[in-house]
N, C-alpha and C. Protein backbone atom coordinates (compact mmCIF):
# COMPACT_ATOMS: atom_id res chain seq x y z
N MET A 1 117.64 34.71 167.28
CA MET A 1 117.53 36.09 166.85
C MET A 1 116.96 36.11 165.44
N ASN A 2 115.91 36.85 165.22
CA ASN A 2 115.32 37.05 163.90
C ASN A 2 116.26 37.89 163.06
N VAL A 3 116.28 37.65 161.75
CA VAL A 3 117.18 38.39 160.86
C VAL A 3 116.96 39.88 160.99
N SER A 4 115.72 40.32 161.06
CA SER A 4 115.45 41.75 161.12
C SER A 4 115.70 42.34 162.51
N GLU A 5 115.85 41.48 163.52
CA GLU A 5 116.11 41.98 164.87
C GLU A 5 117.58 42.25 165.11
N ALA A 6 118.45 41.66 164.28
CA ALA A 6 119.89 41.87 164.45
C ALA A 6 120.19 43.31 164.14
N ARG A 7 120.81 43.99 165.08
CA ARG A 7 121.11 45.38 164.84
C ARG A 7 122.26 45.84 165.71
N TYR A 8 122.91 46.84 165.23
CA TYR A 8 123.90 47.54 166.03
C TYR A 8 123.55 49.01 165.89
N SER A 9 123.15 49.62 166.97
CA SER A 9 122.81 51.03 166.95
C SER A 9 123.93 51.81 167.61
N PRO A 10 124.53 52.75 166.89
CA PRO A 10 125.63 53.50 167.48
C PRO A 10 125.14 54.36 168.64
N THR A 11 126.04 54.62 169.57
CA THR A 11 125.70 55.50 170.68
C THR A 11 126.02 56.93 170.29
N VAL A 12 125.64 57.86 171.11
CA VAL A 12 125.91 59.27 170.85
C VAL A 12 127.41 59.52 170.74
N GLU A 13 128.23 58.75 171.46
CA GLU A 13 129.67 58.94 171.43
C GLU A 13 130.29 58.52 170.10
N ASP A 14 129.58 57.66 169.33
CA ASP A 14 130.11 57.20 168.05
C ASP A 14 130.27 58.38 167.10
N ASP A 15 131.33 58.34 166.31
CA ASP A 15 131.53 59.38 165.32
C ASP A 15 131.52 58.76 163.94
N ARG A 16 131.70 59.60 162.93
CA ARG A 16 131.71 59.11 161.56
C ARG A 16 132.76 58.03 161.39
N GLY A 17 132.47 57.10 160.51
CA GLY A 17 133.43 56.06 160.21
C GLY A 17 133.18 54.75 160.91
N HIS A 18 132.22 54.70 161.81
CA HIS A 18 131.90 53.43 162.47
C HIS A 18 131.11 52.54 161.52
N VAL A 19 131.38 51.26 161.59
CA VAL A 19 130.57 50.29 160.87
C VAL A 19 129.23 50.23 161.60
N VAL A 20 128.16 50.57 160.90
CA VAL A 20 126.83 50.59 161.50
C VAL A 20 125.94 49.61 160.74
N ILE A 21 125.42 48.65 161.48
CA ILE A 21 124.49 47.67 160.92
C ILE A 21 123.09 48.10 161.32
N THR A 22 122.23 48.30 160.33
CA THR A 22 120.87 48.76 160.60
C THR A 22 119.87 47.67 160.28
N PRO A 23 118.69 47.72 160.88
CA PRO A 23 117.66 46.74 160.54
C PRO A 23 117.31 46.83 159.06
N TYR A 24 116.79 45.74 158.53
CA TYR A 24 116.39 45.70 157.12
C TYR A 24 115.46 46.86 156.80
N ASP A 25 115.68 47.47 155.66
CA ASP A 25 114.86 48.59 155.19
C ASP A 25 114.14 48.16 153.91
N PRO A 26 112.81 48.11 153.91
CA PRO A 26 112.09 47.69 152.71
C PRO A 26 112.29 48.62 151.52
N ASP A 27 112.90 49.79 151.75
CA ASP A 27 113.21 50.70 150.64
C ASP A 27 114.48 50.30 149.88
N TRP A 28 115.30 49.40 150.45
CA TRP A 28 116.53 49.01 149.76
C TRP A 28 116.27 48.45 148.37
N PRO A 29 115.32 47.54 148.17
CA PRO A 29 115.06 47.06 146.80
C PRO A 29 114.59 48.19 145.87
N LEU A 30 113.84 49.14 146.41
CA LEU A 30 113.38 50.27 145.60
C LEU A 30 114.55 51.17 145.20
N ARG A 31 115.47 51.37 146.14
CA ARG A 31 116.67 52.16 145.83
C ARG A 31 117.50 51.46 144.76
N PHE A 32 117.59 50.13 144.85
CA PHE A 32 118.30 49.38 143.82
C PHE A 32 117.64 49.56 142.46
N GLU A 33 116.33 49.39 142.40
CA GLU A 33 115.61 49.50 141.12
C GLU A 33 115.80 50.87 140.49
N ALA A 34 115.77 51.92 141.29
CA ALA A 34 115.97 53.28 140.77
C ALA A 34 117.38 53.42 140.20
N GLU A 35 118.36 52.90 140.92
CA GLU A 35 119.75 53.02 140.46
C GLU A 35 119.99 52.12 139.25
N ARG A 36 119.36 50.96 139.23
CA ARG A 36 119.50 50.08 138.08
C ARG A 36 119.00 50.75 136.81
N ALA A 37 117.87 51.46 136.91
CA ALA A 37 117.33 52.17 135.74
C ALA A 37 118.34 53.19 135.21
N LEU A 38 118.97 53.93 136.12
CA LEU A 38 119.99 54.89 135.72
C LEU A 38 121.18 54.17 135.07
N LEU A 39 121.68 53.12 135.73
CA LEU A 39 122.87 52.43 135.25
C LEU A 39 122.64 51.69 133.93
N GLU A 40 121.44 51.19 133.71
CA GLU A 40 121.17 50.54 132.43
C GLU A 40 121.37 51.51 131.28
N SER A 41 121.01 52.75 131.49
CA SER A 41 121.21 53.78 130.46
C SER A 41 122.69 54.14 130.34
N VAL A 42 123.35 54.38 131.47
CA VAL A 42 124.76 54.79 131.47
C VAL A 42 125.66 53.70 130.90
N LEU A 43 125.39 52.45 131.25
CA LEU A 43 126.27 51.34 130.88
C LEU A 43 125.84 50.59 129.61
N ALA A 44 124.80 51.07 128.95
CA ALA A 44 124.25 50.36 127.78
C ALA A 44 125.30 49.90 126.77
N PRO A 45 126.31 50.72 126.42
CA PRO A 45 127.27 50.27 125.41
C PRO A 45 128.13 49.06 125.82
N TRP A 46 128.21 48.77 127.11
CA TRP A 46 129.09 47.71 127.61
C TRP A 46 128.34 46.56 128.27
N LEU A 47 127.08 46.77 128.56
CA LEU A 47 126.31 45.85 129.40
C LEU A 47 126.03 44.50 128.74
N GLU A 48 126.24 43.44 129.52
CA GLU A 48 125.87 42.08 129.13
C GLU A 48 125.65 41.27 130.40
N GLY A 49 124.49 40.71 130.56
CA GLY A 49 124.22 39.90 131.74
C GLY A 49 123.41 40.62 132.81
N GLY A 50 123.08 41.88 132.56
CA GLY A 50 122.21 42.60 133.47
C GLY A 50 122.91 43.22 134.67
N ILE A 51 122.12 43.89 135.46
CA ILE A 51 122.59 44.54 136.69
C ILE A 51 121.85 43.87 137.84
N HIS A 52 122.61 43.40 138.82
CA HIS A 52 122.05 42.60 139.91
C HIS A 52 122.28 43.27 141.26
N HIS A 53 121.28 43.14 142.12
CA HIS A 53 121.36 43.60 143.51
C HIS A 53 122.05 42.48 144.29
N ILE A 54 123.18 42.79 144.89
CA ILE A 54 123.96 41.79 145.64
C ILE A 54 124.22 42.34 147.04
N GLY A 55 124.91 41.58 147.84
CA GLY A 55 125.25 42.04 149.19
C GLY A 55 124.06 41.92 150.13
N SER A 56 124.27 42.36 151.34
CA SER A 56 123.27 42.17 152.40
C SER A 56 121.96 42.90 152.18
N THR A 57 121.99 44.06 151.52
CA THR A 57 120.73 44.78 151.28
C THR A 57 119.85 44.06 150.27
N ALA A 58 120.38 43.03 149.61
CA ALA A 58 119.62 42.23 148.65
C ALA A 58 118.93 41.03 149.30
N ILE A 59 119.14 40.85 150.60
CA ILE A 59 118.55 39.71 151.31
C ILE A 59 117.36 40.21 152.13
N PRO A 60 116.13 39.87 151.75
CA PRO A 60 114.97 40.34 152.50
C PRO A 60 115.09 40.01 153.99
N GLY A 61 114.89 41.02 154.81
CA GLY A 61 114.90 40.85 156.26
C GLY A 61 116.25 40.95 156.92
N LEU A 62 117.35 41.01 156.15
CA LEU A 62 118.69 40.99 156.73
C LEU A 62 119.16 42.38 157.13
N ALA A 63 119.66 42.50 158.36
CA ALA A 63 120.28 43.75 158.81
C ALA A 63 121.56 43.96 158.02
N ALA A 64 121.92 45.22 157.76
CA ALA A 64 123.07 45.49 156.89
C ALA A 64 123.59 46.91 157.07
N LYS A 65 124.79 47.14 156.53
CA LYS A 65 125.23 48.52 156.31
C LYS A 65 124.30 49.03 155.20
N SER A 66 123.88 50.25 155.28
CA SER A 66 122.90 50.78 154.34
C SER A 66 123.57 51.23 153.03
N ILE A 67 124.24 50.29 152.37
CA ILE A 67 124.88 50.55 151.09
C ILE A 67 124.32 49.55 150.09
N ILE A 68 123.75 50.06 149.00
CA ILE A 68 123.17 49.20 147.98
C ILE A 68 124.30 48.70 147.09
N ASP A 69 124.64 47.42 147.22
CA ASP A 69 125.69 46.82 146.40
C ASP A 69 125.08 46.22 145.14
N MET A 70 125.76 46.50 144.02
CA MET A 70 125.27 46.04 142.73
C MET A 70 126.41 45.44 141.92
N MET A 71 126.06 44.61 140.96
CA MET A 71 127.03 44.05 140.05
C MET A 71 126.44 44.11 138.65
N ALA A 72 127.22 44.67 137.73
CA ALA A 72 126.79 44.77 136.33
C ALA A 72 127.70 43.92 135.47
N GLY A 73 127.11 43.11 134.63
CA GLY A 73 127.89 42.31 133.69
C GLY A 73 128.27 43.15 132.49
N VAL A 74 129.54 43.07 132.10
CA VAL A 74 130.02 43.78 130.92
C VAL A 74 130.65 42.78 129.96
N ARG A 75 130.51 43.05 128.66
CA ARG A 75 131.05 42.14 127.63
C ARG A 75 132.55 41.96 127.76
N ASP A 76 133.26 43.06 128.00
CA ASP A 76 134.72 43.01 128.05
C ASP A 76 135.19 44.01 129.10
N LEU A 77 135.94 43.52 130.09
CA LEU A 77 136.38 44.36 131.20
C LEU A 77 137.27 45.52 130.73
N ASP A 78 138.16 45.25 129.81
CA ASP A 78 139.03 46.32 129.31
C ASP A 78 138.24 47.38 128.57
N GLU A 79 137.33 46.98 127.71
CA GLU A 79 136.49 47.95 127.00
C GLU A 79 135.63 48.76 127.96
N ALA A 80 135.24 48.15 129.08
CA ALA A 80 134.38 48.84 130.05
C ALA A 80 135.09 49.98 130.77
N ARG A 81 136.40 50.11 130.60
CA ARG A 81 137.11 51.27 131.16
C ARG A 81 136.54 52.58 130.60
N ALA A 82 135.96 52.50 129.41
CA ALA A 82 135.34 53.68 128.81
C ALA A 82 134.11 54.14 129.60
N ALA A 83 133.61 53.30 130.49
CA ALA A 83 132.45 53.68 131.32
C ALA A 83 132.85 54.53 132.51
N PHE A 84 134.13 54.62 132.82
CA PHE A 84 134.58 55.36 134.01
C PHE A 84 134.08 56.80 133.99
N SER A 85 134.26 57.49 132.87
CA SER A 85 133.86 58.90 132.79
C SER A 85 132.34 59.08 132.94
N PRO A 86 131.51 58.31 132.21
CA PRO A 86 130.07 58.44 132.43
C PRO A 86 129.64 58.13 133.86
N LEU A 87 130.31 57.16 134.49
CA LEU A 87 129.97 56.85 135.89
C LEU A 87 130.38 58.00 136.81
N GLN A 88 131.54 58.60 136.56
CA GLN A 88 131.97 59.75 137.37
C GLN A 88 130.95 60.89 137.27
N PHE A 89 130.41 61.08 136.10
CA PHE A 89 129.40 62.13 135.90
C PHE A 89 128.19 61.91 136.81
N HIS A 90 127.93 60.65 137.15
CA HIS A 90 126.79 60.31 138.02
C HIS A 90 127.26 60.03 139.46
N SER A 91 128.38 60.64 139.86
CA SER A 91 128.90 60.63 141.23
C SER A 91 129.51 59.31 141.67
N TYR A 92 129.85 58.45 140.74
CA TYR A 92 130.55 57.21 141.09
C TYR A 92 132.05 57.46 141.07
N GLU A 93 132.72 56.99 142.11
CA GLU A 93 134.17 57.12 142.24
C GLU A 93 134.78 55.73 142.07
N TYR A 94 135.84 55.65 141.27
CA TYR A 94 136.54 54.38 141.09
C TYR A 94 137.26 54.05 142.39
N THR A 95 136.93 52.90 142.97
CA THR A 95 137.53 52.44 144.22
C THR A 95 137.96 50.99 144.01
N PRO A 96 139.20 50.79 143.54
CA PRO A 96 139.65 49.43 143.19
C PRO A 96 139.35 48.42 144.29
N HIS A 97 139.01 47.21 143.83
CA HIS A 97 138.59 46.15 144.76
C HIS A 97 139.48 44.92 144.64
N ARG A 98 139.43 44.27 143.48
CA ARG A 98 140.24 43.08 143.24
C ARG A 98 140.34 42.85 141.75
N PRO A 99 141.31 42.06 141.30
CA PRO A 99 141.43 41.79 139.86
C PRO A 99 140.15 41.17 139.31
N GLY A 100 139.86 41.46 138.06
CA GLY A 100 138.69 40.89 137.42
C GLY A 100 137.43 41.71 137.60
N THR A 101 137.59 42.91 138.17
CA THR A 101 136.43 43.78 138.38
C THR A 101 136.89 45.23 138.40
N HIS A 102 135.98 46.09 137.99
CA HIS A 102 136.15 47.53 138.22
C HIS A 102 135.11 47.87 139.29
N HIS A 103 135.54 48.42 140.40
CA HIS A 103 134.62 48.73 141.49
C HIS A 103 134.48 50.24 141.65
N PHE A 104 133.25 50.68 141.90
CA PHE A 104 132.94 52.09 142.09
C PHE A 104 132.09 52.26 143.34
N SER A 105 132.22 53.41 143.96
CA SER A 105 131.41 53.77 145.13
C SER A 105 130.74 55.10 144.85
N LYS A 106 129.56 55.29 145.41
CA LYS A 106 128.79 56.51 145.23
C LYS A 106 128.25 56.94 146.57
N PRO A 107 128.32 58.21 146.90
CA PRO A 107 129.00 59.30 146.19
C PRO A 107 130.49 59.28 146.50
N ARG A 108 131.22 60.18 145.88
CA ARG A 108 132.64 60.31 146.18
C ARG A 108 132.80 60.70 147.64
N GLY A 109 133.88 60.25 148.25
CA GLY A 109 134.14 60.62 149.64
C GLY A 109 134.51 59.42 150.48
N PRO A 110 134.43 59.57 151.80
CA PRO A 110 134.82 58.48 152.70
C PRO A 110 133.81 57.33 152.63
N TRP A 111 134.29 56.12 152.97
CA TRP A 111 133.45 54.93 152.83
C TRP A 111 132.14 55.02 153.60
N TRP A 112 132.15 55.69 154.74
CA TRP A 112 130.92 55.71 155.55
C TRP A 112 129.83 56.59 154.93
N ALA A 113 130.18 57.36 153.91
CA ALA A 113 129.17 58.19 153.24
C ALA A 113 128.59 57.49 152.01
N TYR A 114 129.15 56.34 151.64
CA TYR A 114 128.69 55.65 150.44
C TYR A 114 127.23 55.22 150.57
N THR A 115 126.50 55.36 149.48
CA THR A 115 125.12 54.88 149.41
C THR A 115 125.01 53.69 148.45
N HIS A 116 125.96 53.59 147.52
CA HIS A 116 125.93 52.54 146.51
C HIS A 116 127.34 52.02 146.24
N GLY A 117 127.43 50.74 145.93
CA GLY A 117 128.66 50.13 145.45
C GLY A 117 128.34 49.42 144.15
N LEU A 118 129.27 49.47 143.19
CA LEU A 118 129.03 48.88 141.88
C LEU A 118 130.27 48.13 141.41
N HIS A 119 130.10 46.87 141.08
CA HIS A 119 131.14 46.07 140.44
C HIS A 119 130.80 45.94 138.97
N LEU A 120 131.77 46.21 138.10
CA LEU A 120 131.65 45.84 136.69
C LEU A 120 132.53 44.61 136.51
N THR A 121 131.97 43.55 136.00
CA THR A 121 132.73 42.31 135.78
C THR A 121 132.09 41.54 134.64
N GLU A 122 132.83 40.63 134.09
CA GLU A 122 132.29 39.81 133.00
C GLU A 122 131.43 38.69 133.58
N PRO A 123 130.25 38.45 132.98
CA PRO A 123 129.42 37.34 133.43
C PRO A 123 130.24 36.04 133.40
N GLY A 124 130.10 35.27 134.45
CA GLY A 124 130.84 34.02 134.54
C GLY A 124 132.18 34.15 135.25
N SER A 125 132.61 35.39 135.56
CA SER A 125 133.86 35.57 136.30
C SER A 125 133.70 34.98 137.71
N ASP A 126 134.83 34.79 138.39
CA ASP A 126 134.77 34.30 139.76
C ASP A 126 133.89 35.20 140.62
N LEU A 127 134.09 36.51 140.52
CA LEU A 127 133.31 37.45 141.32
C LEU A 127 131.82 37.31 141.01
N TRP A 128 131.48 37.21 139.75
CA TRP A 128 130.09 37.08 139.31
C TRP A 128 129.45 35.86 139.99
N ARG A 129 130.12 34.72 139.87
CA ARG A 129 129.57 33.49 140.45
C ARG A 129 129.49 33.57 141.97
N GLU A 130 130.55 34.08 142.63
CA GLU A 130 130.58 34.17 144.09
C GLU A 130 129.46 35.04 144.63
N ARG A 131 129.34 36.25 144.09
CA ARG A 131 128.35 37.19 144.64
C ARG A 131 126.92 36.70 144.46
N LEU A 132 126.61 36.16 143.30
CA LEU A 132 125.25 35.67 143.08
C LEU A 132 124.98 34.41 143.91
N ALA A 133 125.95 33.52 144.01
CA ALA A 133 125.76 32.30 144.81
C ALA A 133 125.57 32.62 146.29
N PHE A 134 126.38 33.55 146.81
CA PHE A 134 126.26 33.92 148.22
C PHE A 134 124.89 34.54 148.50
N ARG A 135 124.50 35.49 147.65
CA ARG A 135 123.18 36.12 147.82
C ARG A 135 122.08 35.07 147.78
N ASP A 136 122.12 34.21 146.79
CA ASP A 136 121.05 33.22 146.63
C ASP A 136 121.01 32.22 147.78
N ALA A 137 122.18 31.85 148.32
CA ALA A 137 122.22 30.92 149.46
C ALA A 137 121.56 31.54 150.68
N LEU A 138 121.82 32.82 150.94
CA LEU A 138 121.21 33.48 152.09
C LEU A 138 119.72 33.73 151.87
N ARG A 139 119.33 34.01 150.66
CA ARG A 139 117.90 34.18 150.37
C ARG A 139 117.14 32.87 150.59
N ALA A 140 117.79 31.75 150.30
CA ALA A 140 117.13 30.45 150.38
C ALA A 140 117.12 29.84 151.78
N ASP A 141 117.94 30.35 152.69
CA ASP A 141 118.10 29.73 154.00
C ASP A 141 118.02 30.79 155.11
N PRO A 142 116.82 31.00 155.68
CA PRO A 142 116.67 32.01 156.72
C PRO A 142 117.59 31.80 157.93
N ALA A 143 117.87 30.55 158.28
CA ALA A 143 118.76 30.29 159.42
C ALA A 143 120.18 30.77 159.10
N LEU A 144 120.62 30.55 157.90
CA LEU A 144 121.93 31.01 157.47
C LEU A 144 121.98 32.54 157.47
N ALA A 145 120.93 33.17 156.99
CA ALA A 145 120.86 34.64 156.98
C ALA A 145 120.88 35.19 158.40
N THR A 146 120.19 34.53 159.31
CA THR A 146 120.19 34.96 160.72
C THR A 146 121.58 34.83 161.32
N GLU A 147 122.26 33.72 161.01
CA GLU A 147 123.62 33.53 161.50
C GLU A 147 124.54 34.65 160.98
N TYR A 148 124.39 34.99 159.71
CA TYR A 148 125.20 36.04 159.11
C TYR A 148 124.91 37.40 159.76
N ALA A 149 123.65 37.67 160.01
CA ALA A 149 123.29 38.94 160.66
C ALA A 149 123.94 39.04 162.03
N GLY A 150 123.90 37.98 162.79
CA GLY A 150 124.53 37.98 164.11
C GLY A 150 126.03 38.21 164.03
N LEU A 151 126.67 37.58 163.05
CA LEU A 151 128.11 37.77 162.86
C LEU A 151 128.42 39.23 162.52
N LYS A 152 127.65 39.81 161.63
CA LYS A 152 127.88 41.19 161.22
C LYS A 152 127.72 42.16 162.39
N VAL A 153 126.72 41.95 163.20
CA VAL A 153 126.50 42.80 164.37
C VAL A 153 127.67 42.68 165.34
N ARG A 154 128.09 41.45 165.60
CA ARG A 154 129.22 41.24 166.50
C ARG A 154 130.49 41.90 165.97
N LEU A 155 130.77 41.71 164.68
CA LEU A 155 131.98 42.30 164.09
C LEU A 155 131.92 43.82 164.09
N ALA A 156 130.75 44.39 163.86
CA ALA A 156 130.62 45.85 163.89
C ALA A 156 130.94 46.38 165.29
N LYS A 157 130.47 45.69 166.31
CA LYS A 157 130.76 46.10 167.69
C LYS A 157 132.25 45.95 168.01
N GLU A 158 132.83 44.85 167.56
CA GLU A 158 134.24 44.57 167.86
C GLU A 158 135.20 45.50 167.13
N HIS A 159 134.87 45.87 165.90
CA HIS A 159 135.84 46.59 165.08
C HIS A 159 135.56 48.07 164.89
N GLY A 160 134.42 48.55 165.33
CA GLY A 160 134.13 49.99 165.30
C GLY A 160 134.39 50.65 163.97
N THR A 161 135.50 51.39 163.88
CA THR A 161 135.82 52.13 162.66
C THR A 161 136.72 51.36 161.71
N ASP A 162 137.13 50.18 162.07
CA ASP A 162 138.05 49.40 161.24
C ASP A 162 137.26 48.53 160.26
N VAL A 163 136.84 49.15 159.16
CA VAL A 163 135.99 48.45 158.19
C VAL A 163 136.74 47.28 157.54
N GLU A 164 138.05 47.38 157.41
CA GLU A 164 138.81 46.28 156.82
C GLU A 164 138.77 45.04 157.72
N SER A 165 138.96 45.22 159.03
CA SER A 165 138.88 44.09 159.95
C SER A 165 137.46 43.52 160.00
N TYR A 166 136.46 44.38 159.93
CA TYR A 166 135.07 43.94 159.87
C TYR A 166 134.88 43.03 158.66
N THR A 167 135.39 43.46 157.51
CA THR A 167 135.24 42.70 156.28
C THR A 167 136.00 41.38 156.35
N VAL A 168 137.24 41.41 156.82
CA VAL A 168 138.03 40.19 156.95
C VAL A 168 137.35 39.21 157.91
N GLY A 169 136.72 39.73 158.95
CA GLY A 169 136.04 38.88 159.92
C GLY A 169 134.89 38.08 159.34
N LYS A 170 134.35 38.51 158.22
CA LYS A 170 133.25 37.79 157.57
C LYS A 170 133.74 36.70 156.62
N ARG A 171 135.02 36.70 156.32
CA ARG A 171 135.57 35.83 155.28
C ARG A 171 135.33 34.34 155.51
N ALA A 172 135.54 33.84 156.73
CA ALA A 172 135.36 32.42 156.99
C ALA A 172 133.91 32.00 156.75
N PHE A 173 132.98 32.85 157.17
CA PHE A 173 131.56 32.55 156.96
C PHE A 173 131.25 32.51 155.47
N VAL A 174 131.71 33.52 154.74
CA VAL A 174 131.47 33.58 153.29
C VAL A 174 132.08 32.35 152.61
N SER A 175 133.29 32.00 153.00
CA SER A 175 133.96 30.83 152.42
C SER A 175 133.16 29.56 152.67
N ARG A 176 132.64 29.42 153.89
CA ARG A 176 131.85 28.23 154.23
C ARG A 176 130.57 28.16 153.39
N VAL A 177 129.89 29.30 153.23
CA VAL A 177 128.66 29.31 152.43
C VAL A 177 128.98 28.97 150.98
N LEU A 178 130.02 29.55 150.44
CA LEU A 178 130.38 29.28 149.05
C LEU A 178 130.84 27.84 148.86
N ALA A 179 131.56 27.30 149.82
CA ALA A 179 131.97 25.90 149.74
C ALA A 179 130.75 24.99 149.65
N GLY A 180 129.68 25.38 150.33
CA GLY A 180 128.45 24.60 150.30
C GLY A 180 127.80 24.54 148.92
N VAL A 181 128.18 25.45 148.03
CA VAL A 181 127.65 25.42 146.66
C VAL A 181 128.77 25.14 145.65
N GLY A 182 129.91 24.65 146.16
CA GLY A 182 130.99 24.24 145.28
C GLY A 182 131.92 25.32 144.79
N LEU A 183 131.96 26.48 145.46
CA LEU A 183 132.85 27.57 145.07
C LEU A 183 133.88 27.83 146.15
N THR A 184 135.03 28.33 145.73
CA THR A 184 136.11 28.65 146.65
C THR A 184 136.54 30.10 146.43
N LEU A 185 136.65 30.87 147.50
CA LEU A 185 137.15 32.25 147.40
C LEU A 185 138.63 32.22 147.05
N PRO A 186 139.08 33.16 146.21
CA PRO A 186 140.52 33.27 145.99
C PRO A 186 141.22 33.66 147.29
N PRO A 187 142.49 33.34 147.44
CA PRO A 187 143.21 33.58 148.71
C PRO A 187 143.15 35.00 149.23
N THR A 188 143.14 36.00 148.37
CA THR A 188 143.17 37.38 148.85
C THR A 188 141.87 38.13 148.63
N SER A 189 140.79 37.44 148.35
CA SER A 189 139.53 38.09 148.03
C SER A 189 138.85 38.62 149.28
N PRO A 190 138.73 39.95 149.42
CA PRO A 190 137.95 40.47 150.54
C PRO A 190 136.46 40.31 150.28
N ARG A 191 135.66 40.38 151.29
CA ARG A 191 134.20 40.28 151.12
C ARG A 191 133.59 41.47 151.80
């Protein structure tokens, strides 16, 4: 199966809240660049290490949920709490993820309406290293990306509206990829 051929298309009976995996969209990098330009301005007082496109929409050719995931490096996580209000002004909602990061989703509302996800974390944190290493491993290995696409499609079909089970179902694959580059996921880290 080609990476771009992996897909899960919902049927008419599907309702909101289903995990939907769509074919790769060449507009995803453009959507990231537009949002990065906005966030560079909003986060300027705290930014260190840049803003990176992560997650499945950052892998050319990979089918994905159509949510642009990003990670911004900040000098100090505690000081970056001051960014919450400016981010809210731009429709970002604080949606806690795991220790060592501030996570936001855009726009406010249910997960299936999200268009963007944003992690604020310090460069060099576990999350920073994991997300960049995973993205880079899939970018470098088309067979690995194809395997991941197939897994995501299968999990979306199996779990329907249960996004947590869908996410947990990817954990073993993510752990294996990260182990291949010398990293280990923390015991409770969702992906």
